[in-house]
PDB file of N, CA and C in Angstrom:
ATOM      1  N   MET A   1     162.058 145.019 118.262  1.00  0.00           N
ATOM      2  CA  MET A   1     160.872 144.309 117.822  1.00  0.00           C
ATOM      3  C   MET A   1     161.184 143.518 116.555  1.00  0.00           C
ATOM      4  N   LYS A   2     160.714 142.303 116.520  1.00  0.00           N
ATOM      5  CA  LYS A   2     160.940 141.457 115.357  1.00  0.00           C
ATOM      6  C   LYS A   2     160.068 141.963 114.208  1.00  0.00           C
ATOM      7  N   SER A   3     160.643 142.037 113.040  1.00  0.00           N
ATOM      8  CA  SER A   3     159.926 142.522 111.874  1.00  0.00           C
ATOM      9  C   SER A   3     159.182 141.372 111.193  1.00  0.00           C
ATOM     10  N   ILE A   4     157.919 141.628 110.847  1.00  0.00           N
ATOM     11  CA  ILE A   4     157.142 140.626 110.120  1.00  0.00           C
ATOM     12  C   ILE A   4     156.480 141.270 108.909  1.00  0.00           C
ATOM     13  N   CYS A   5     156.197 140.465 107.914  1.00  0.00           N
ATOM     14  CA  CYS A   5     155.503 140.934 106.722  1.00  0.00           C
ATOM     15  C   CYS A   5     154.145 141.491 107.131  1.00  0.00           C
ATOM     16  N   GLN A   6     153.840 142.676 106.649  1.00  0.00           N
ATOM     17  CA  GLN A   6     152.590 143.338 106.995  1.00  0.00           C
ATOM     18  C   GLN A   6     151.437 142.919 106.089  1.00  0.00           C
ATOM     19  N   SER A   7     151.626 141.816 105.371  1.00  0.00           N
ATOM     20  CA  SER A   7     150.559 141.226 104.576  1.00  0.00           C
ATOM     21  C   SER A   7     150.224 139.820 105.062  1.00  0.00           C
ATOM     22  N   CYS A   8     151.274 139.012 105.343  1.00  0.00           N
ATOM     23  CA  CYS A   8     151.030 137.606 105.711  1.00  0.00           C
ATOM     24  C   CYS A   8     151.537 137.218 107.095  1.00  0.00           C
ATOM     25  N   GLY A   9     152.399 138.035 107.696  1.00  0.00           N
ATOM     26  CA  GLY A   9     152.918 137.735 109.021  1.00  0.00           C
ATOM     27  C   GLY A   9     154.215 136.950 109.043  1.00  0.00           C
ATOM     28  N   MET A  10     154.780 136.667 107.879  1.00  0.00           N
ATOM     29  CA  MET A  10     156.041 135.921 107.829  1.00  0.00           C
ATOM     30  C   MET A  10     157.160 136.734 108.481  1.00  0.00           C
ATOM     31  N   PRO A  11     157.989 136.095 109.317  1.00  0.00           N
ATOM     32  CA  PRO A  11     159.135 136.806 109.891  1.00  0.00           C
ATOM     33  C   PRO A  11     160.090 137.271 108.788  1.00  0.00           C
ATOM     34  N   LEU A  12     160.576 138.499 108.918  1.00  0.00           N
ATOM     35  CA  LEU A  12     161.538 139.062 107.961  1.00  0.00           C
ATOM     36  C   LEU A  12     162.894 139.088 108.655  1.00  0.00           C
ATOM     37  N   ARG A  13     163.585 137.960 108.587  1.00  0.00           N
ATOM     38  CA  ARG A  13     164.848 137.800 109.309  1.00  0.00           C
ATOM     39  C   ARG A  13     166.063 138.175 108.474  1.00  0.00           C
ATOM     40  N   ALA A  14     166.017 137.846 107.203  1.00  0.00           N
ATOM     41  CA  ALA A  14     167.165 138.086 106.319  1.00  0.00           C
ATOM     42  C   ALA A  14     166.757 139.028 105.191  1.00  0.00           C
ATOM     43  N   ALA A  15     167.741 139.653 104.577  1.00  0.00           N
ATOM     44  CA  ALA A  15     167.465 140.557 103.453  1.00  0.00           C
ATOM     45  C   ALA A  15     166.697 139.835 102.347  1.00  0.00           C
ATOM     46  N   SER A  16     166.992 138.561 102.150  1.00  0.00           N
ATOM     47  CA  SER A  16     166.334 137.796 101.092  1.00  0.00           C
ATOM     48  C   SER A  16     164.863 137.508 101.390  1.00  0.00           C
ATOM     49  N   ASP A  17     164.423 137.723 102.616  1.00  0.00           N
ATOM     50  CA  ASP A  17     163.017 137.535 102.973  1.00  0.00           C
ATOM     51  C   ASP A  17     162.151 138.690 102.476  1.00  0.00           C
ATOM     52  N   HIS A  18     162.752 139.850 102.292  1.00  0.00           N
ATOM     53  CA  HIS A  18     162.011 141.056 101.930  1.00  0.00           C
ATOM     54  C   HIS A  18     161.609 141.069 100.465  1.00  0.00           C
ATOM     55  N   GLY A  19     160.445 141.682 100.210  1.00  0.00           N
ATOM     56  CA  GLY A  19     160.023 141.923  98.842  1.00  0.00           C
ATOM     57  C   GLY A  19     160.831 143.062  98.255  1.00  0.00           C
ATOM     58  N   THR A  20     160.511 143.422  97.018  1.00  0.00           N
ATOM     59  CA  THR A  20     161.238 144.501  96.359  1.00  0.00           C
ATOM     60  C   THR A  20     160.278 145.591  95.890  1.00  0.00           C
ATOM     61  N   ASN A  21     160.778 146.824  95.918  1.00  0.00           N
ATOM     62  CA  ASN A  21     160.045 147.956  95.385  1.00  0.00           C
ATOM     63  C   ASN A  21     160.201 147.990  93.868  1.00  0.00           C
ATOM     64  N   ALA A  22     159.519 148.921  93.206  1.00  0.00           N
ATOM     65  CA  ALA A  22     159.584 149.022  91.742  1.00  0.00           C
ATOM     66  C   ALA A  22     161.018 149.225  91.254  1.00  0.00           C
ATOM     67  N   ASP A  23     161.830 149.919  92.047  1.00  0.00           N
ATOM     68  CA  ASP A  23     163.235 150.151  91.663  1.00  0.00           C
ATOM     69  C   ASP A  23     164.161 149.016  92.103  1.00  0.00           C
ATOM     70  N   LEU A  24     163.561 147.924  92.562  1.00  0.00           N
ATOM     71  CA  LEU A  24     164.243 146.706  93.020  1.00  0.00           C
ATOM     72  C   LEU A  24     164.966 146.860  94.359  1.00  0.00           C
ATOM     73  N   SER A  25     164.771 147.981  95.029  1.00  0.00           N
ATOM     74  CA  SER A  25     165.309 148.128  96.384  1.00  0.00           C
ATOM     75  C   SER A  25     164.463 147.280  97.336  1.00  0.00           C
ATOM     76  N   PRO A  26     165.040 146.864  98.457  1.00  0.00           N
ATOM     77  CA  PRO A  26     164.281 146.046  99.410  1.00  0.00           C
ATOM     78  C   PRO A  26     163.092 146.815  99.981  1.00  0.00           C
ATOM     79  N   ASN A  27     161.979 146.130 100.134  1.00  0.00           N
ATOM     80  CA  ASN A  27     160.803 146.714 100.765  1.00  0.00           C
ATOM     81  C   ASN A  27     160.831 146.312 102.234  1.00  0.00           C
ATOM     82  N   VAL A  28     160.673 147.254 103.124  1.00  0.00           N
ATOM     83  CA  VAL A  28     160.801 146.968 104.552  1.00  0.00           C
ATOM     84  C   VAL A  28     159.521 146.430 105.180  1.00  0.00           C
ATOM     85  N   GLU A  29     158.395 146.532 104.489  1.00  0.00           N
ATOM     86  CA  GLU A  29     157.116 146.105 105.068  1.00  0.00           C
ATOM     87  C   GLU A  29     156.675 144.704 104.679  1.00  0.00           C
ATOM     88  N   TYR A  30     157.032 144.255 103.478  1.00  0.00           N
ATOM     89  CA  TYR A  30     156.448 143.032 102.935  1.00  0.00           C
ATOM     90  C   TYR A  30     157.497 142.004 102.521  1.00  0.00           C
ATOM     91  N   CYS A  31     157.106 140.728 102.612  1.00  0.00           N
ATOM     92  CA  CYS A  31     158.004 139.640 102.213  1.00  0.00           C
ATOM     93  C   CYS A  31     157.980 139.448 100.692  1.00  0.00           C
ATOM     94  N   HIS A  32     158.917 138.660 100.211  1.00  0.00           N
ATOM     95  CA  HIS A  32     159.028 138.419  98.777  1.00  0.00           C
ATOM     96  C   HIS A  32     157.892 137.569  98.229  1.00  0.00           C
ATOM     97  N   TYR A  33     157.186 136.855  99.089  1.00  0.00           N
ATOM     98  CA  TYR A  33     156.026 136.079  98.634  1.00  0.00           C
ATOM     99  C   TYR A  33     154.824 136.990  98.372  1.00  0.00           C
ATOM    100  N   CYS A  34     154.729 138.085  99.102  1.00  0.00           N
ATOM    101  CA  CYS A  34     153.575 138.979  99.001  1.00  0.00           C
ATOM    102  C   CYS A  34     153.807 140.192  98.104  1.00  0.00           C
ATOM    103  N   TYR A  35     155.067 140.615  97.951  1.00  0.00           N
ATOM    104  CA  TYR A  35     155.340 141.885  97.271  1.00  0.00           C
ATOM    105  C   TYR A  35     156.581 141.749  96.403  1.00  0.00           C
ATOM    106  N   ASP A  36     156.455 142.057  95.120  1.00  0.00           N
ATOM    107  CA  ASP A  36     157.572 141.901  94.187  1.00  0.00           C
ATOM    108  C   ASP A  36     157.553 143.018  93.157  1.00  0.00           C
ATOM    109  N   GLU A  37     158.684 143.685  93.014  1.00  0.00           N
ATOM    110  CA  GLU A  37     158.863 144.766  92.043  1.00  0.00           C
ATOM    111  C   GLU A  37     157.774 145.834  92.140  1.00  0.00           C
ATOM    112  N   GLY A  38     157.421 146.188  93.387  1.00  0.00           N
ATOM    113  CA  GLY A  38     156.505 147.292  93.626  1.00  0.00           C
ATOM    114  C   GLY A  38     155.031 146.959  93.603  1.00  0.00           C
ATOM    115  N   SER A  39     154.696 145.677  93.536  1.00  0.00           N
ATOM    116  CA  SER A  39     153.284 145.278  93.487  1.00  0.00           C
ATOM    117  C   SER A  39     153.040 144.050  94.354  1.00  0.00           C
ATOM    118  N   PHE A  40     151.808 143.960  94.851  1.00  0.00           N
ATOM    119  CA  PHE A  40     151.435 142.750  95.566  1.00  0.00           C
ATOM    120  C   PHE A  40     151.332 141.598  94.580  1.00  0.00           C
ATOM    121  N   THR A  41     151.753 140.421  94.997  1.00  0.00           N
ATOM    122  CA  THR A  41     151.694 139.240  94.130  1.00  0.00           C
ATOM    123  C   THR A  41     150.284 138.679  94.053  1.00  0.00           C
ATOM    124  N   ASP A  42     149.423 139.110  94.968  1.00  0.00           N
ATOM    125  CA  ASP A  42     148.026 138.664  95.002  1.00  0.00           C
ATOM    126  C   ASP A  42     147.108 139.880  95.143  1.00  0.00           C
ATOM    127  N   PRO A  43     147.116 140.792  94.163  1.00  0.00           N
ATOM    128  CA  PRO A  43     146.461 142.092  94.325  1.00  0.00           C
ATOM    129  C   PRO A  43     144.961 142.038  94.587  1.00  0.00           C
ATOM    130  N   GLY A  44     144.263 141.051  94.125  1.00  0.00           N
ATOM    131  CA  GLY A  44     142.825 140.995  94.298  1.00  0.00           C
ATOM    132  C   GLY A  44     142.352 140.205  95.500  1.00  0.00           C
ATOM    133  N   ILE A  45     143.282 139.682  96.281  1.00  0.00           N
ATOM    134  CA  ILE A  45     142.893 138.818  97.405  1.00  0.00           C
ATOM    135  C   ILE A  45     142.235 139.645  98.515  1.00  0.00           C
ATOM    136  N   THR A  46     141.262 139.059  99.145  1.00  0.00           N
ATOM    137  CA  THR A  46     140.587 139.690 100.281  1.00  0.00           C
ATOM    138  C   THR A  46     141.256 139.258 101.579  1.00  0.00           C
ATOM    139  N   LEU A  47     140.906 139.921 102.651  1.00  0.00           N
ATOM    140  CA  LEU A  47     141.410 139.515 103.974  1.00  0.00           C
ATOM    141  C   LEU A  47     141.035 138.070 104.247  1.00  0.00           C
ATOM    142  N   GLU A  48     139.795 137.713 103.974  1.00  0.00           N
ATOM    143  CA  GLU A  48     139.345 136.343 104.212  1.00  0.00           C
ATOM    144  C   GLU A  48     140.130 135.350 103.346  1.00  0.00           C
ATOM    145  N   GLY A  49     140.394 135.726 102.102  1.00  0.00           N
ATOM    146  CA  GLY A  49     141.174 134.868 101.215  1.00  0.00           C
ATOM    147  C   GLY A  49     142.599 134.692 101.703  1.00  0.00           C
ATOM    148  N   LYS A  50     143.193 135.773 102.211  1.00  0.00           N
ATOM    149  CA  LYS A  50     144.566 135.710 102.726  1.00  0.00           C
ATOM    150  C   LYS A  50     144.625 134.807 103.959  1.00  0.00           C
ATOM    151  N   ILE A  51     143.629 134.916 104.817  1.00  0.00           N
ATOM    152  CA  ILE A  51     143.587 134.064 106.005  1.00  0.00           C
ATOM    153  C   ILE A  51     143.510 132.601 105.587  1.00  0.00           C
ATOM    154  N   LYS A  52     142.629 132.275 104.649  1.00  0.00           N
ATOM    155  CA  LYS A  52     142.500 130.894 104.171  1.00  0.00           C
ATOM    156  C   LYS A  52     143.796 130.402 103.538  1.00  0.00           C
ATOM    157  N   LYS A  53     144.433 131.266 102.752  1.00  0.00           N
ATOM    158  CA  LYS A  53     145.700 130.902 102.099  1.00  0.00           C
ATOM    159  C   LYS A  53     146.781 130.623 103.145  1.00  0.00           C
ATOM    160  N   ASN A  54     146.870 131.457 104.160  1.00  0.00           N
ATOM    161  CA  ASN A  54     147.876 131.255 105.206  1.00  0.00           C
ATOM    162  C   ASN A  54     147.612 129.997 106.012  1.00  0.00           C
ATOM    163  N   ILE A  55     146.352 129.719 106.294  1.00  0.00           N
ATOM    164  CA  ILE A  55     146.010 128.505 107.031  1.00  0.00           C
ATOM    165  C   ILE A  55     146.451 127.283 106.235  1.00  0.00           C
ATOM    166  N   ALA A  56     146.135 127.261 104.953  1.00  0.00           N
ATOM    167  CA  ALA A  56     146.515 126.125 104.101  1.00  0.00           C
ATOM    168  C   ALA A  56     148.036 125.955 104.059  1.00  0.00           C
ATOM    169  N   MET A  57     148.772 127.059 103.947  1.00  0.00           N
ATOM    170  CA  MET A  57     150.234 126.994 103.900  1.00  0.00           C
ATOM    171  C   MET A  57     150.803 126.492 105.226  1.00  0.00           C
ATOM    172  N   ALA A  58     150.263 126.978 106.334  1.00  0.00           N
ATOM    173  CA  ALA A  58     150.751 126.548 107.652  1.00  0.00           C
ATOM    174  C   ALA A  58     150.514 125.054 107.872  1.00  0.00           C
ATOM    175  N   ILE A  59     149.356 124.576 107.453  1.00  0.00           N
ATOM    176  CA  ILE A  59     149.058 123.146 107.579  1.00  0.00           C
ATOM    177  C   ILE A  59     150.023 122.341 106.718  1.00  0.00           C
ATOM    178  N   LYS A  60     150.267 122.820 105.496  1.00  0.00           N
ATOM    179  CA  LYS A  60     151.204 122.144 104.582  1.00  0.00           C
ATOM    180  C   LYS A  60     152.608 122.074 105.190  1.00  0.00           C
ATOM    181  N   MET A  61     152.956 123.090 105.985  1.00  0.00           N
ATOM    182  CA  MET A  61     154.280 123.135 106.614  1.00  0.00           C
ATOM    183  C   MET A  61     154.325 122.356 107.923  1.00  0.00           C
ATOM    184  N   GLY A  62     153.205 121.711 108.316  1.00  0.00           N
ATOM    185  CA  GLY A  62     153.215 120.846 109.480  1.00  0.00           C
ATOM    186  C   GLY A  62     152.515 121.372 110.722  1.00  0.00           C
ATOM    187  N   MET A  63     151.935 122.545 110.648  1.00  0.00           N
ATOM    188  CA  MET A  63     151.225 123.089 111.799  1.00  0.00           C
ATOM    189  C   MET A  63     149.846 122.440 111.889  1.00  0.00           C
ATOM    190  N   SER A  64     149.350 122.262 113.085  1.00  0.00           N
ATOM    191  CA  SER A  64     148.002 121.697 113.234  1.00  0.00           C
ATOM    192  C   SER A  64     146.979 122.709 112.723  1.00  0.00           C
ATOM    193  N   GLU A  65     145.852 122.205 112.245  1.00  0.00           N
ATOM    194  CA  GLU A  65     144.816 123.096 111.710  1.00  0.00           C
ATOM    195  C   GLU A  65     144.320 124.058 112.786  1.00  0.00           C
ATOM    196  N   LYS A  66     144.131 123.561 113.985  1.00  0.00           N
ATOM    197  CA  LYS A  66     143.631 124.400 115.078  1.00  0.00           C
ATOM    198  C   LYS A  66     144.570 125.573 115.354  1.00  0.00           C
ATOM    199  N   VAL A  67     145.863 125.284 115.439  1.00  0.00           N
ATOM    200  CA  VAL A  67     146.855 126.337 115.696  1.00  0.00           C
ATOM    201  C   VAL A  67     146.924 127.292 114.503  1.00  0.00           C
ATOM    202  N   ALA A  68     146.901 126.758 113.292  1.00  0.00           N
ATOM    203  CA  ALA A  68     146.969 127.592 112.087  1.00  0.00           C
ATOM    204  C   ALA A  68     145.790 128.559 112.003  1.00  0.00           C
ATOM    205  N   VAL A  69     144.598 128.064 112.289  1.00  0.00           N
ATOM    206  CA  VAL A  69     143.391 128.903 112.249  1.00  0.00           C
ATOM    207  C   VAL A  69     143.483 130.013 113.295  1.00  0.00           C
ATOM    208  N   THR A  70     143.873 129.654 114.509  1.00  0.00           N
ATOM    209  CA  THR A  70     143.994 130.641 115.578  1.00  0.00           C
ATOM    210  C   THR A  70     145.039 131.690 115.243  1.00  0.00           C
ATOM    211  N   LEU A  71     146.203 131.260 114.807  1.00  0.00           N
ATOM    212  CA  LEU A  71     147.294 132.182 114.485  1.00  0.00           C
ATOM    213  C   LEU A  71     146.907 133.129 113.354  1.00  0.00           C
ATOM    214  N   ALA A  72     146.342 132.602 112.281  1.00  0.00           N
ATOM    215  CA  ALA A  72     145.956 133.432 111.135  1.00  0.00           C
ATOM    216  C   ALA A  72     144.887 134.448 111.525  1.00  0.00           C
ATOM    217  N   ASN A  73     143.877 134.001 112.248  1.00  0.00           N
ATOM    218  CA  ASN A  73     142.785 134.901 112.627  1.00  0.00           C
ATOM    219  C   ASN A  73     143.207 135.944 113.650  1.00  0.00           C
ATOM    220  N   ASP A  74     144.193 135.626 114.466  1.00  0.00           N
ATOM    221  CA  ASP A  74     144.672 136.578 115.465  1.00  0.00           C
ATOM    222  C   ASP A  74     145.695 137.564 114.904  1.00  0.00           C
ATOM    223  N   THR A  75     146.427 137.163 113.869  1.00  0.00           N
ATOM    224  CA  THR A  75     147.537 137.972 113.365  1.00  0.00           C
ATOM    225  C   THR A  75     147.191 138.807 112.132  1.00  0.00           C
ATOM    226  N   ILE A  76     146.682 138.182 111.102  1.00  0.00           N
ATOM    227  CA  ILE A  76     146.550 138.842 109.798  1.00  0.00           C
ATOM    228  C   ILE A  76     145.675 140.102 109.831  1.00  0.00           C
ATOM    229  N   PRO A  77     144.515 140.087 110.477  1.00  0.00           N
ATOM    230  CA  PRO A  77     143.698 141.315 110.468  1.00  0.00           C
ATOM    231  C   PRO A  77     144.377 142.520 111.116  1.00  0.00           C
ATOM    232  N   LYS A  78     145.398 142.286 111.935  1.00  0.00           N
ATOM    233  CA  LYS A  78     146.094 143.370 112.626  1.00  0.00           C
ATOM    234  C   LYS A  78     147.252 143.951 111.803  1.00  0.00           C
ATOM    235  N   LEU A  79     147.599 143.315 110.701  1.00  0.00           N
ATOM    236  CA  LEU A  79     148.710 143.777 109.869  1.00  0.00           C
ATOM    237  C   LEU A  79     148.297 144.988 109.045  1.00  0.00           C
ATOM    238  N   SER A  80     149.249 145.851 108.707  1.00  0.00           N
ATOM    239  CA  SER A  80     148.912 147.131 108.074  1.00  0.00           C
ATOM    240  C   SER A  80     148.171 146.991 106.747  1.00  0.00           C
ATOM    241  N   ARG A  81     148.441 145.968 105.974  1.00  0.00           N
ATOM    242  CA  ARG A  81     147.736 145.810 104.709  1.00  0.00           C
ATOM    243  C   ARG A  81     146.233 145.594 104.912  1.00  0.00           C
ATOM    244  N   TRP A  82     145.859 145.017 106.021  1.00  0.00           N
ATOM    245  CA  TRP A  82     144.474 144.608 106.238  1.00  0.00           C
ATOM    246  C   TRP A  82     143.706 145.456 107.237  1.00  0.00           C
ATOM    247  N   ARG A  83     144.382 146.315 107.967  1.00  0.00           N
ATOM    248  CA  ARG A  83     143.674 147.156 108.931  1.00  0.00           C
ATOM    249  C   ARG A  83     142.722 148.088 108.216  1.00  0.00           C
ATOM    250  N   LYS A  84     141.554 148.240 108.783  1.00  0.00           N
ATOM    251  CA  LYS A  84     140.557 149.157 108.213  1.00  0.00           C
ATOM    252  C   LYS A  84     141.084 150.576 108.305  1.00  0.00           C
ATOM    253  N   LYS A  85     140.939 151.295 107.235  1.00  0.00           N
ATOM    254  CA  LYS A  85     141.419 152.680 107.199  1.00  0.00           C
ATOM    255  C   LYS A  85     140.425 153.602 107.895  1.00  0.00           C
TER     256      LYS A  85
END
């Protein structure tokens, strides 16, 4: 199974894609954009805020708005950071 960030859905293909734990070891769940030195880089963001942020980033990277909205809404709520406990 392909590994993806459990906060934003980014593919974790290379070691450099991974975030870091407090001891600077690689974090296996989160990417370096979402998690750094043992903390989330956006600690106060809501699920809705994360979805909006991902949509904006995907559009900036060339994805159509329709595809970006569908992908974000279908993927992000299912990731471990956002699943209801």
